[in-house]
């Protein structure tokens, strides 16, 4: 219809009508493109908002994991330290033997922080989301990604290198009888709060007198190594948790958990 009017106006050399009809066409095209851009921008904003929400939930879950792990370590440290004091004093009574063997489960497990940054990394790496991130927001998100990934990697490496492997002290400690009848009972014990270590299969038992065990450098060193790593693990998690809270506060997002007690 517009094209027909424009053609007629051109034949009649009605330049005013030509101008008006041309303006209508140009404005129509412009508005169509602009509305399309607005729709696309609105859709991209919604995608960013959804991605940001997933990221915050992920970060809060990571914070909860860090605090839970710190709480577990704080509960295990006194058990190991009681055994260390018995070994340092070379105590040989039944009570000392019980305390030392009770420490075999915690020193056989020092789990790293199991953290996930998939949603955070997807948010950061999507260039289409850049227009919706202020420089301060992006700085915080990048810092969170770096901090969480380093904490995850370093804590797992530290746990693997400092937990006691009983092959190294097999001249002092060896597996004893089965702890449970089968894996179902072990599963129920772990679900009830027992430490998931080799003790779930067979409890380790001293095979030498305590006055021999307390003078064995490899055996005593394993306890000290675990103690050092446990302290560093807890402190590393504490620093990370505080930094994550600061980042969440800067992003105007609440943290869902509270700090644990000190060990």
Protein backbone atom coordinates (compact mmCIF):
# COMPACT_ATOMS: atom_id res chain seq x y z
CA UNK A 1 0.00 0.00 0.00
CA UNK A 2 2.77 2.46 0.94
CA UNK A 3 4.76 1.38 -2.11
CA UNK A 4 1.76 2.03 -4.35
CA UNK A 5 1.22 5.51 -2.90
CA UNK A 6 4.92 6.26 -3.21
CA UNK A 7 4.93 5.21 -6.89
CA UNK A 8 1.87 7.34 -7.63
CA UNK A 9 3.42 10.34 -5.89
CA UNK A 10 6.62 9.94 -7.89
CA UNK A 11 4.67 9.91 -11.16
CA UNK A 12 2.83 13.06 -10.14
CA UNK A 13 6.06 14.57 -8.80
CA UNK A 14 4.29 15.15 -5.51
CA UNK A 15 7.50 15.57 -3.52
CA UNK A 16 5.83 16.30 -0.23
CA UNK A 17 3.95 12.99 -0.37
CA UNK A 18 7.15 11.23 -1.48
CA UNK A 19 8.94 12.68 1.56
CA UNK A 20 6.18 11.62 3.97
CA UNK A 21 5.83 8.11 2.56
CA UNK A 22 9.62 7.62 2.53
CA UNK A 23 9.80 8.84 6.12
CA UNK A 24 7.10 6.35 7.11
CA UNK A 25 9.06 3.49 5.50
CA UNK A 26 12.33 4.51 7.15
CA UNK A 27 10.71 4.96 10.55
CA UNK A 28 8.95 1.61 10.21
CA UNK A 29 12.20 -0.17 9.44
CA UNK A 30 13.98 1.65 12.27
CA UNK A 31 11.27 0.84 14.81
CA UNK A 32 11.18 -2.78 13.70
CA UNK A 33 14.93 -3.14 14.17
CA UNK A 34 14.85 -1.27 17.47
CA UNK A 35 12.01 -3.36 18.88
CA UNK A 36 13.91 -6.49 17.86
CA UNK A 37 16.99 -5.19 19.66
CA UNK A 38 14.95 -4.37 22.75
CA UNK A 39 13.43 -7.85 22.78
CA UNK A 40 16.85 -9.45 22.34
CA UNK A 41 18.35 -7.27 25.06
CA UNK A 42 15.51 -8.12 27.42
CA UNK A 43 15.94 -11.83 26.75
CA UNK A 44 19.70 -11.55 27.33
CA UNK A 45 19.05 -9.70 30.59
CA UNK A 46 16.75 -12.50 31.74
CA UNK A 47 19.38 -15.09 30.85
CA UNK A 48 21.99 -13.14 32.80
CA UNK A 49 19.70 -12.82 35.82
CA UNK A 50 19.03 -16.57 35.81
CA UNK A 51 22.73 -17.34 35.45
CA UNK A 52 23.57 -14.93 38.26
CA UNK A 53 20.97 -16.53 40.55
CA UNK A 54 22.43 -20.00 39.87
CA UNK A 55 25.89 -18.66 40.58
CA UNK A 56 24.87 -17.21 43.94
CA UNK A 57 23.25 -20.50 45.00
CA UNK A 58 26.45 -22.30 43.99
CA UNK A 59 28.65 -19.89 45.95
CA UNK A 60 26.45 -20.21 49.04
CA UNK A 61 26.64 -24.01 48.75
CA UNK A 62 30.42 -23.78 48.52
CA UNK A 63 30.50 -21.60 51.61
CA UNK A 64 28.40 -24.16 53.48
CA UNK A 65 30.78 -26.92 52.36
CA UNK A 66 33.81 -24.97 53.59
CA UNK A 67 32.23 -24.39 56.98
CA UNK A 68 31.11 -28.01 57.33
CA UNK A 69 34.60 -29.24 56.48
CA UNK A 70 36.15 -26.84 58.98
CA UNK A 71 33.74 -28.07 61.62
CA UNK A 72 34.69 -31.67 60.92
CA UNK A 73 38.39 -30.88 61.19
CA UNK A 74 37.87 -28.93 64.42
CA UNK A 75 36.12 -31.95 65.93
CA UNK A 76 38.91 -34.36 64.92
CA UNK A 77 41.92 -32.31 65.97
CA UNK A 78 41.50 -32.95 69.75
CA UNK A 79 41.24 -36.71 69.16
CA UNK A 80 44.56 -36.73 67.31
CA UNK A 81 46.23 -34.37 69.77
CA UNK A 82 45.34 -36.61 72.72
CA UNK A 83 47.10 -39.46 70.90
CA UNK A 84 50.09 -37.22 70.14
CA UNK A 85 50.47 -36.32 73.82
CA UNK A 86 50.34 -40.00 74.79
CA UNK A 87 53.02 -40.79 72.20
CA UNK A 88 55.21 -37.84 73.21
CA UNK A 89 55.04 -38.94 76.85
CA UNK A 90 55.46 -42.61 75.87
CA UNK A 91 52.49 -43.61 78.00
CA UNK A 92 51.93 -47.35 77.97
CA UNK A 93 48.65 -47.93 79.80
CA UNK A 94 45.42 -49.30 78.33
CA UNK A 95 43.85 -45.82 78.31
CA UNK A 96 46.73 -44.46 76.21
CA UNK A 97 46.45 -47.39 73.80
CA UNK A 98 42.71 -46.74 73.42
CA UNK A 99 43.26 -43.04 72.71
CA UNK A 100 46.01 -43.73 70.18
CA UNK A 101 43.97 -46.32 68.31
CA UNK A 102 40.95 -43.97 68.37
CA UNK A 103 43.06 -41.48 66.39
CA UNK A 104 43.75 -43.95 63.56
CA UNK A 105 40.46 -43.10 61.81
CA UNK A 106 40.90 -39.30 61.68
CA UNK A 107 44.59 -39.41 60.71
CA UNK A 108 43.66 -41.76 57.87
CA UNK A 109 41.37 -39.16 56.31
CA UNK A 110 41.88 -35.47 55.58
CA UNK A 111 39.34 -34.61 52.93
CA UNK A 112 39.73 -31.55 50.73
CA UNK A 113 37.06 -28.91 50.21
CA UNK A 114 34.71 -30.30 47.55
CA UNK A 115 33.77 -27.11 45.71
CA UNK A 116 31.97 -26.48 42.42
CA UNK A 117 32.38 -23.40 40.21
CA UNK A 118 30.62 -24.49 37.01
CA UNK A 119 27.84 -21.89 37.22
CA UNK A 120 30.28 -19.15 38.25
CA UNK A 121 32.71 -19.92 35.44
CA UNK A 122 29.89 -20.07 32.87
CA UNK A 123 28.71 -16.63 34.00
CA UNK A 124 32.20 -15.16 33.79
CA UNK A 125 33.09 -16.72 30.44
CA UNK A 126 29.90 -15.65 28.60
CA UNK A 127 30.85 -12.48 26.72
CA UNK A 128 27.17 -11.78 26.09
CA UNK A 129 26.76 -11.10 29.82
CA UNK A 130 29.51 -8.45 29.97
CA UNK A 131 27.13 -5.47 29.45
CA UNK A 132 25.21 -6.47 32.60
CA UNK A 133 28.27 -6.61 34.86
CA UNK A 134 29.71 -3.49 36.43
CA UNK A 135 33.51 -3.41 36.77
CA UNK A 136 33.15 -4.00 40.52
CA UNK A 137 30.80 -6.96 40.02
CA UNK A 138 33.12 -8.56 37.49
CA UNK A 139 36.10 -8.03 39.78
CA UNK A 140 34.27 -9.81 42.61
CA UNK A 141 33.12 -12.68 40.39
CA UNK A 142 36.63 -13.20 39.01
CA UNK A 143 38.08 -13.16 42.53
CA UNK A 144 35.52 -15.72 43.70
CA UNK A 145 36.33 -18.05 40.82
CA UNK A 146 40.07 -17.84 41.46
CA UNK A 147 39.69 -18.27 45.21
CA UNK A 148 37.31 -21.24 45.06
CA UNK A 149 39.28 -23.10 42.40
CA UNK A 150 42.59 -22.62 44.22
CA UNK A 151 41.07 -23.67 47.54
CA UNK A 152 39.58 -26.80 45.98
CA UNK A 153 42.82 -27.82 44.25
CA UNK A 154 45.19 -26.99 47.11
CA UNK A 155 43.07 -28.60 49.83
CA UNK A 156 42.71 -31.87 47.94
CA UNK A 157 46.44 -32.00 47.19
CA UNK A 158 47.22 -31.25 50.83
CA UNK A 159 44.80 -33.89 52.09
CA UNK A 160 46.22 -36.55 49.80
CA UNK A 161 49.81 -35.79 50.83
CA UNK A 162 49.31 -35.56 54.60
CA UNK A 163 46.83 -38.26 55.53
CA UNK A 164 48.43 -41.35 57.03
CA UNK A 165 48.93 -44.29 54.70
CA UNK A 166 49.33 -47.36 56.82
CA UNK A 167 51.70 -48.97 54.36
CA UNK A 168 54.30 -46.47 55.63
CA UNK A 169 53.85 -47.61 59.23
CA UNK A 170 52.95 -51.25 58.67
CA UNK A 171 55.72 -52.24 61.10
CA UNK A 172 53.73 -50.48 63.83
CA UNK A 173 50.08 -50.76 62.76
CA UNK A 174 48.29 -53.45 60.81
CA UNK A 175 44.67 -54.21 59.90
CA UNK A 176 42.74 -56.14 62.50
CA UNK A 177 39.38 -57.93 62.33
CA UNK A 178 36.44 -56.65 60.27
CA UNK A 179 34.78 -53.58 61.71
CA UNK A 180 31.31 -54.42 60.38
CA UNK A 181 29.59 -57.43 58.89
CA UNK A 182 29.38 -55.79 55.48
CA UNK A 183 29.22 -52.55 53.48
CA UNK A 184 25.58 -51.89 54.42
CA UNK A 185 26.54 -51.59 58.09
CA UNK A 186 29.54 -49.43 57.18
CA UNK A 187 27.26 -47.16 55.14
CA UNK A 188 24.85 -46.75 58.05
CA UNK A 189 27.76 -45.94 60.37
CA UNK A 190 29.07 -43.24 58.02
CA UNK A 191 25.59 -41.81 57.61
CA UNK A 192 25.42 -41.67 61.38
CA UNK A 193 28.56 -39.57 61.58
CA UNK A 194 31.43 -42.08 61.62
CA UNK A 195 34.62 -41.10 59.79
CA UNK A 196 34.79 -42.52 56.28
CA UNK A 197 38.26 -44.06 56.36
CA UNK A 198 39.88 -47.46 56.06
CA UNK A 199 38.66 -48.11 59.59
CA UNK A 200 35.23 -48.76 58.10
CA UNK A 201 36.53 -52.05 56.70
CA UNK A 202 39.11 -53.18 59.24
CA UNK A 203 40.24 -51.34 62.32
CA UNK A 204 43.95 -50.71 62.49
CA UNK A 205 45.65 -52.13 65.57
CA UNK A 206 49.06 -51.68 67.14
CA UNK A 207 51.29 -54.71 66.64
CA UNK A 208 54.17 -53.49 68.81
CA UNK A 209 54.24 -52.31 72.43
CA UNK A 210 53.51 -48.63 73.01
CA UNK A 211 57.04 -47.98 74.29
CA UNK A 212 58.27 -49.07 70.85
CA UNK A 213 55.61 -47.22 68.85
CA UNK A 214 56.23 -43.92 70.65
CA UNK A 215 59.90 -43.95 69.59
CA UNK A 216 59.24 -44.71 65.94
CA UNK A 217 59.90 -41.55 63.93
CA UNK A 218 57.75 -42.52 60.94
CA UNK A 219 54.78 -43.37 63.16
CA UNK A 220 55.00 -40.24 65.30
CA UNK A 221 55.79 -38.08 62.27
CA UNK A 222 52.58 -39.20 60.59
CA UNK A 223 50.55 -37.79 63.47
CA UNK A 224 52.45 -34.49 63.44
CA UNK A 225 52.09 -34.20 59.68
CA UNK A 226 48.32 -34.68 59.90
CA UNK A 227 48.08 -32.16 62.74
CA UNK A 228 49.97 -29.50 60.77
CA UNK A 229 47.88 -30.10 57.65
CA UNK A 230 44.63 -30.05 59.63
CA UNK A 231 45.47 -26.68 61.17
CA UNK A 232 46.48 -25.23 57.80
CA UNK A 233 43.35 -26.71 56.20
CA UNK A 234 41.11 -25.12 58.83
CA UNK A 235 42.87 -21.73 58.63
CA UNK A 236 42.86 -21.76 54.83
CA UNK A 237 39.11 -22.41 54.90
CA UNK A 238 38.58 -19.63 57.46
CA UNK A 239 40.34 -17.04 55.30
CA UNK A 240 38.43 -18.21 52.23
CA UNK A 241 35.06 -18.12 54.03
CA UNK A 242 35.66 -14.56 55.24
CA UNK A 243 36.68 -13.41 51.75
CA UNK A 244 33.63 -15.09 50.19
CA UNK A 245 31.36 -13.34 52.70
CA UNK A 246 32.93 -10.01 51.81
CA UNK A 247 32.39 -10.69 48.12
CA UNK A 248 28.75 -11.70 48.67
CA UNK A 249 28.16 -8.60 50.76
CA UNK A 250 29.65 -6.44 48.00
CA UNK A 251 27.29 -8.15 45.55
CA UNK A 252 24.41 -7.36 47.94
CA UNK A 253 23.75 -11.07 48.48
CA UNK A 254 23.43 -12.64 51.96
CA UNK A 255 25.49 -15.63 53.06
CA UNK A 256 23.35 -18.53 54.23
CA UNK A 257 25.61 -19.89 56.97
CA UNK A 258 27.48 -18.59 60.02
CA UNK A 259 31.13 -19.03 60.95
CA UNK A 260 32.08 -22.17 62.84
CA UNK A 261 33.91 -22.22 66.17
CA UNK A 262 37.69 -22.17 66.30
CA UNK A 263 39.49 -25.47 66.87
